[in-house]
Amino acid sequence: MQIMINHTSMQPIYEQILDQIKMQVLHGELESGAPLPSVRSLAKDLKISALTVKKAYDALEEEGLVVTVHGKGSFINQANEAVLEEERRKSVEEAFDVAVKKGRSCGMSDTELREVFELIMEDKSC
């Protein structure tokens, strides 16, 4: 499992960990039952506080993507297809949100943004 932390990002470190683990699950890089590194070992590898890693793992567990077995560690939970589908949709919505904000900051109207979207949708290579 590869986690990269950007210390200059405005995004909190625990969210960076959370997002990267989610993306690895969504892309099939981490499968059901796969163990996550221990909180202490990941904290040591990333040179961050163990509390930060614990916060990320707790959030993943709250979302149902990770299950923690006391004394054994944290593991990727059985893939609940509905949860994974919701995460995929959320990811797409976030990308659209970024694109719309960028277009508006460049002075594009809603009509122009829709036209660009339609052009992209017509492109068979997408």
Protein backbone atom coordinates (compact mmCIF):
# COMPACT_ATOMS: atom_id res chain seq x y z
CA MET A 1 0.00 0.00 0.00
CA GLN A 2 1.44 3.33 -1.09
CA ILE A 3 0.48 6.53 0.75
CA MET A 4 1.99 9.88 -0.18
CA ILE A 5 1.58 12.86 2.13
CA ASN A 6 1.76 16.43 0.88
CA HIS A 7 2.75 18.52 3.88
CA THR A 8 2.13 21.76 1.99
CA SER A 9 -1.45 20.85 1.06
CA MET A 10 -4.36 22.65 2.68
CA GLN A 11 -6.04 19.24 3.04
CA PRO A 12 -5.52 17.73 6.51
CA ILE A 13 -3.12 14.79 6.59
CA TYR A 14 -5.72 12.35 7.94
CA GLU A 15 -7.97 13.23 4.96
CA GLN A 16 -5.09 12.60 2.55
CA ILE A 17 -4.64 9.14 4.06
CA LEU A 18 -8.40 8.51 4.02
CA ASP A 19 -8.77 9.58 0.39
CA GLN A 20 -5.80 7.56 -0.83
CA ILE A 21 -6.95 4.37 0.88
CA LYS A 22 -10.47 4.89 -0.52
CA MET A 23 -9.10 5.35 -4.03
CA GLN A 24 -6.99 2.20 -3.72
CA VAL A 25 -10.11 0.26 -2.66
CA LEU A 26 -12.20 1.77 -5.47
CA HIS A 27 -9.55 0.93 -8.06
CA GLY A 28 -9.19 -2.63 -6.79
CA GLU A 29 -5.64 -2.11 -5.54
CA LEU A 30 -6.76 -3.06 -2.01
CA GLU A 31 -9.13 -6.01 -1.93
CA SER A 32 -11.49 -7.27 0.74
CA GLY A 33 -9.61 -8.73 3.67
CA ALA A 34 -6.35 -6.97 2.84
CA PRO A 35 -4.58 -5.86 6.02
CA LEU A 36 -3.73 -2.22 6.54
CA PRO A 37 -0.41 -1.34 8.14
CA SER A 38 -0.63 -0.90 11.89
CA VAL A 39 -1.30 2.62 13.08
CA ARG A 40 2.19 2.87 14.56
CA SER A 41 4.02 1.48 11.54
CA LEU A 42 2.20 3.74 9.06
CA ALA A 43 2.78 6.74 11.33
CA LYS A 44 6.48 5.86 11.49
CA ASP A 45 6.73 5.37 7.71
CA LEU A 46 4.98 8.68 7.01
CA LYS A 47 6.77 10.48 9.86
CA ILE A 48 3.47 11.71 11.34
CA SER A 49 1.57 11.29 14.59
CA ALA A 50 -0.06 7.94 15.29
CA LEU A 51 -3.17 9.89 16.31
CA THR A 52 -3.45 11.23 12.75
CA VAL A 53 -3.36 7.72 11.29
CA LYS A 54 -5.84 6.53 13.93
CA LYS A 55 -8.21 9.35 12.95
CA ALA A 56 -8.05 8.26 9.29
CA TYR A 57 -8.60 4.59 10.16
CA ASP A 58 -11.53 5.51 12.44
CA ALA A 59 -13.14 7.52 9.63
CA LEU A 60 -12.68 4.60 7.21
CA GLU A 61 -14.25 2.27 9.75
CA GLU A 62 -17.16 4.68 10.25
CA GLU A 63 -17.76 4.64 6.49
CA GLY A 64 -17.74 0.85 6.48
CA LEU A 65 -14.65 0.45 4.31
CA VAL A 66 -12.43 -0.87 7.09
CA VAL A 67 -13.00 -3.24 9.98
CA THR A 68 -10.72 -3.33 13.00
CA VAL A 69 -10.19 -6.50 15.01
CA HIS A 70 -8.64 -5.70 18.38
CA GLY A 71 -5.29 -7.41 18.71
CA LYS A 72 -5.14 -8.31 15.01
CA GLY A 73 -5.31 -4.98 13.15
CA SER A 74 -7.38 -3.21 10.54
CA PHE A 75 -8.56 -4.83 7.32
CA ILE A 76 -10.42 -3.79 4.19
CA ASN A 77 -14.04 -4.73 4.82
CA GLN A 78 -15.99 -7.06 2.56
CA ALA A 79 -16.75 -4.98 -0.50
CA ASN A 80 -20.25 -3.67 -0.20
CA GLU A 81 -21.01 -2.83 -3.83
CA ALA A 82 -23.52 -0.14 -2.85
CA VAL A 83 -20.91 1.63 -0.70
CA LEU A 84 -18.29 1.39 -3.44
CA GLU A 85 -20.74 2.69 -6.05
CA GLU A 86 -21.62 5.64 -3.82
CA GLU A 87 -17.93 6.43 -3.37
CA ARG A 88 -17.39 6.30 -7.14
CA ARG A 89 -20.31 8.68 -7.70
CA LYS A 90 -19.04 11.02 -5.01
CA SER A 91 -15.63 11.07 -6.68
CA VAL A 92 -17.18 11.97 -10.05
CA GLU A 93 -19.34 14.68 -8.46
CA GLU A 94 -16.27 16.20 -6.81
CA ALA A 95 -14.46 16.27 -10.17
CA PHE A 96 -17.45 17.98 -11.80
CA ASP A 97 -17.57 20.49 -8.95
CA VAL A 98 -13.91 21.36 -9.47
CA ALA A 99 -14.42 21.70 -13.24
CA VAL A 100 -17.48 23.94 -12.87
CA LYS A 101 -15.73 26.18 -10.35
CA LYS A 102 -12.71 26.46 -12.64
CA GLY A 103 -14.92 27.30 -15.61
CA ARG A 104 -16.83 29.94 -13.66
CA SER A 105 -13.58 31.47 -12.36
CA CYS A 106 -12.56 31.83 -16.03
CA GLY A 107 -15.81 33.67 -16.77
CA MET A 108 -17.66 30.84 -18.51
CA SER A 109 -21.45 30.90 -18.39
CA ASP A 110 -23.56 27.89 -17.44
CA THR A 111 -24.49 27.50 -21.10
CA GLU A 112 -20.84 27.43 -22.15
CA LEU A 113 -20.07 24.87 -19.43
CA ARG A 114 -22.93 22.67 -20.64
CA GLU A 115 -21.67 22.94 -24.22
CA VAL A 116 -18.19 21.83 -23.14
CA PHE A 117 -19.74 18.94 -21.19
CA GLU A 118 -21.78 17.87 -24.25
CA LEU A 119 -18.67 18.00 -26.46
CA ILE A 120 -16.77 15.82 -24.00
CA MET A 121 -19.68 13.37 -23.78
CA GLU A 122 -19.80 13.08 -27.59
CA ASP A 123 -16.11 12.14 -27.68
CA LYS A 124 -16.10 8.34 -28.03
CA SER A 125 -12.62 8.01 -26.50
CA CYS A 126 -13.81 9.15 -23.05
